[in-house]
Amino acid sequence: MAGPLRHKYRLMALREFGAKQKGEMFTAVEATRFLNEYKNGLGKPHRFTNSNVHQVGNLLKGNKEFQVTQLKSNKVAKWIYVGSEEE
């Protein structure tokens, strides 16, 4: 089981990915690819953002900043970033 530290950095990277999408729909596969290729400030792969499609789908479901538009399964569901209430 991954600890809260791993999810903290995954969620930060997912929010960055969502902000880059600018209201466009995306799948969990695209988000997983972004997380697995995510680089830290030095240009090295970030050590806490690696993930798989099932875990990313569950993180997206549990976060209120992401909204599902077409739910079939974690792999093919279409997601959209709606942002936080503070924005």
C-alpha atoms as a PDB file:
ATOM      1  CA  MET A   1       0.000   0.000   0.000  1.00  0.00           C
ATOM      2  CA  ALA A   2       1.350   3.420  -0.901  1.00  0.00           C
ATOM      3  CA  GLY A   3       1.631   5.990   1.840  1.00  0.00           C
ATOM      4  CA  PRO A   4       0.169   9.497   1.874  1.00  0.00           C
ATOM      5  CA  LEU A   5       3.467  10.967   0.626  1.00  0.00           C
ATOM      6  CA  ARG A   6       3.162   9.146  -2.693  1.00  0.00           C
ATOM      7  CA  HIS A   7      -0.417  10.266  -3.204  1.00  0.00           C
ATOM      8  CA  LYS A   8       0.488  13.839  -2.291  1.00  0.00           C
ATOM      9  CA  TYR A   9       2.936  14.109  -5.185  1.00  0.00           C
ATOM     10  CA  ARG A  10       0.703  12.152  -7.560  1.00  0.00           C
ATOM     11  CA  LEU A  11      -2.182  14.514  -6.868  1.00  0.00           C
ATOM     12  CA  MET A  12       0.075  17.562  -7.336  1.00  0.00           C
ATOM     13  CA  ALA A  13       1.198  16.202 -10.708  1.00  0.00           C
ATOM     14  CA  LEU A  14      -2.400  15.327 -11.674  1.00  0.00           C
ATOM     15  CA  ARG A  15      -3.502  18.899 -10.901  1.00  0.00           C
ATOM     16  CA  GLU A  16      -0.679  20.199 -13.089  1.00  0.00           C
ATOM     17  CA  PHE A  17      -1.757  17.827 -15.861  1.00  0.00           C
ATOM     18  CA  GLY A  18      -5.382  18.945 -15.511  1.00  0.00           C
ATOM     19  CA  ALA A  19      -4.414  22.609 -15.677  1.00  0.00           C
ATOM     20  CA  LYS A  20      -2.461  21.939 -18.890  1.00  0.00           C
ATOM     21  CA  GLN A  21      -5.540  20.318 -20.462  1.00  0.00           C
ATOM     22  CA  LYS A  22      -7.479  23.630 -20.164  1.00  0.00           C
ATOM     23  CA  GLY A  23     -10.954  22.120 -19.995  1.00  0.00           C
ATOM     24  CA  GLU A  24     -10.348  19.331 -22.514  1.00  0.00           C
ATOM     25  CA  MET A  25     -11.373  15.767 -21.727  1.00  0.00           C
ATOM     26  CA  PHE A  26      -8.694  13.157 -21.079  1.00  0.00           C
ATOM     27  CA  THR A  27      -8.477   9.484 -20.119  1.00  0.00           C
ATOM     28  CA  ALA A  28      -6.736   7.870 -17.164  1.00  0.00           C
ATOM     29  CA  VAL A  29      -4.248   6.329 -19.614  1.00  0.00           C
ATOM     30  CA  GLU A  30      -3.114   9.809 -20.703  1.00  0.00           C
ATOM     31  CA  ALA A  31      -2.841  10.928 -17.076  1.00  0.00           C
ATOM     32  CA  THR A  32      -0.836   7.799 -16.210  1.00  0.00           C
ATOM     33  CA  ARG A  33       1.558   8.470 -19.074  1.00  0.00           C
ATOM     34  CA  PHE A  34       2.046  12.034 -17.774  1.00  0.00           C
ATOM     35  CA  LEU A  35       2.697  10.787 -14.220  1.00  0.00           C
ATOM     36  CA  ASN A  36       5.191   8.161 -15.333  1.00  0.00           C
ATOM     37  CA  GLU A  37       7.117  10.705 -17.440  1.00  0.00           C
ATOM     38  CA  TYR A  38       6.879  13.529 -14.842  1.00  0.00           C
ATOM     39  CA  LYS A  39      10.223  15.220 -14.105  1.00  0.00           C
ATOM     40  CA  ASN A  40      11.309  17.041 -10.970  1.00  0.00           C
ATOM     41  CA  GLY A  41      12.945  20.477 -10.938  1.00  0.00           C
ATOM     42  CA  LEU A  42      16.337  19.002 -11.894  1.00  0.00           C
ATOM     43  CA  GLY A  43      14.962  17.188 -14.930  1.00  0.00           C
ATOM     44  CA  LYS A  44      15.147  13.733 -13.345  1.00  0.00           C
ATOM     45  CA  PRO A  45      12.135  11.416 -13.150  1.00  0.00           C
ATOM     46  CA  HIS A  46      10.178  12.137  -9.963  1.00  0.00           C
ATOM     47  CA  ARG A  47      10.442   9.190  -7.586  1.00  0.00           C
ATOM     48  CA  PHE A  48       6.946   9.412  -6.053  1.00  0.00           C
ATOM     49  CA  THR A  49       4.703   9.870  -9.103  1.00  0.00           C
ATOM     50  CA  ASN A  50       4.960   6.463 -10.821  1.00  0.00           C
ATOM     51  CA  SER A  51       1.579   4.802 -11.047  1.00  0.00           C
ATOM     52  CA  ASN A  52      -0.712   2.535 -13.062  1.00  0.00           C
ATOM     53  CA  VAL A  53      -4.069   3.084 -14.747  1.00  0.00           C
ATOM     54  CA  HIS A  54      -6.163   1.529 -11.992  1.00  0.00           C
ATOM     55  CA  GLN A  55      -4.592   3.622  -9.256  1.00  0.00           C
ATOM     56  CA  VAL A  56      -4.866   6.842 -11.290  1.00  0.00           C
ATOM     57  CA  GLY A  57      -8.532   6.120 -11.972  1.00  0.00           C
ATOM     58  CA  ASN A  58      -9.161   5.698  -8.251  1.00  0.00           C
ATOM     59  CA  LEU A  59      -7.250   8.902  -7.441  1.00  0.00           C
ATOM     60  CA  LEU A  60      -9.323  10.801 -10.011  1.00  0.00           C
ATOM     61  CA  LYS A  61     -12.561   9.362  -8.591  1.00  0.00           C
ATOM     62  CA  GLY A  62     -11.601  10.396  -5.074  1.00  0.00           C
ATOM     63  CA  ASN A  63     -10.623  13.963  -5.956  1.00  0.00           C
ATOM     64  CA  LYS A  64     -13.315  16.634  -6.280  1.00  0.00           C
ATOM     65  CA  GLU A  65     -11.198  18.680  -8.705  1.00  0.00           C
ATOM     66  CA  PHE A  66     -11.716  16.077 -11.438  1.00  0.00           C
ATOM     67  CA  GLN A  67     -15.106  15.214 -12.862  1.00  0.00           C
ATOM     68  CA  VAL A  68     -15.987  12.152 -14.909  1.00  0.00           C
ATOM     69  CA  THR A  69     -17.991  12.796 -18.056  1.00  0.00           C
ATOM     70  CA  GLN A  70     -18.204   9.309 -19.590  1.00  0.00           C
ATOM     71  CA  LEU A  71     -17.711   6.395 -17.179  1.00  0.00           C
ATOM     72  CA  LYS A  72     -17.259   2.944 -18.677  1.00  0.00           C
ATOM     73  CA  SER A  73     -14.122   1.660 -16.942  1.00  0.00           C
ATOM     74  CA  ASN A  74     -11.022   3.282 -15.475  1.00  0.00           C
ATOM     75  CA  LYS A  75      -9.145   2.980 -18.778  1.00  0.00           C
ATOM     76  CA  VAL A  76     -11.700   4.513 -21.140  1.00  0.00           C
ATOM     77  CA  ALA A  77     -13.543   6.958 -18.865  1.00  0.00           C
ATOM     78  CA  LYS A  78     -13.340  10.584 -19.973  1.00  0.00           C
ATOM     79  CA  TRP A  79     -12.291  13.028 -17.257  1.00  0.00           C
ATOM     80  CA  ILE A  80     -12.200  16.809 -17.091  1.00  0.00           C
ATOM     81  CA  TYR A  81     -10.372  19.081 -14.658  1.00  0.00           C
ATOM     82  CA  VAL A  82     -12.774  21.520 -13.011  1.00  0.00           C
ATOM     83  CA  GLY A  83     -10.263  23.031 -10.564  1.00  0.00           C
ATOM     84  CA  SER A  84     -10.652  23.760  -6.902  1.00  0.00           C
ATOM     85  CA  GLU A  85     -13.293  25.914  -5.269  1.00  0.00           C
ATOM     86  CA  GLU A  86     -10.590  28.420  -4.283  1.00  0.00           C
ATOM     87  CA  GLU A  87      -9.744  29.295  -7.907  1.00  0.00           C
END
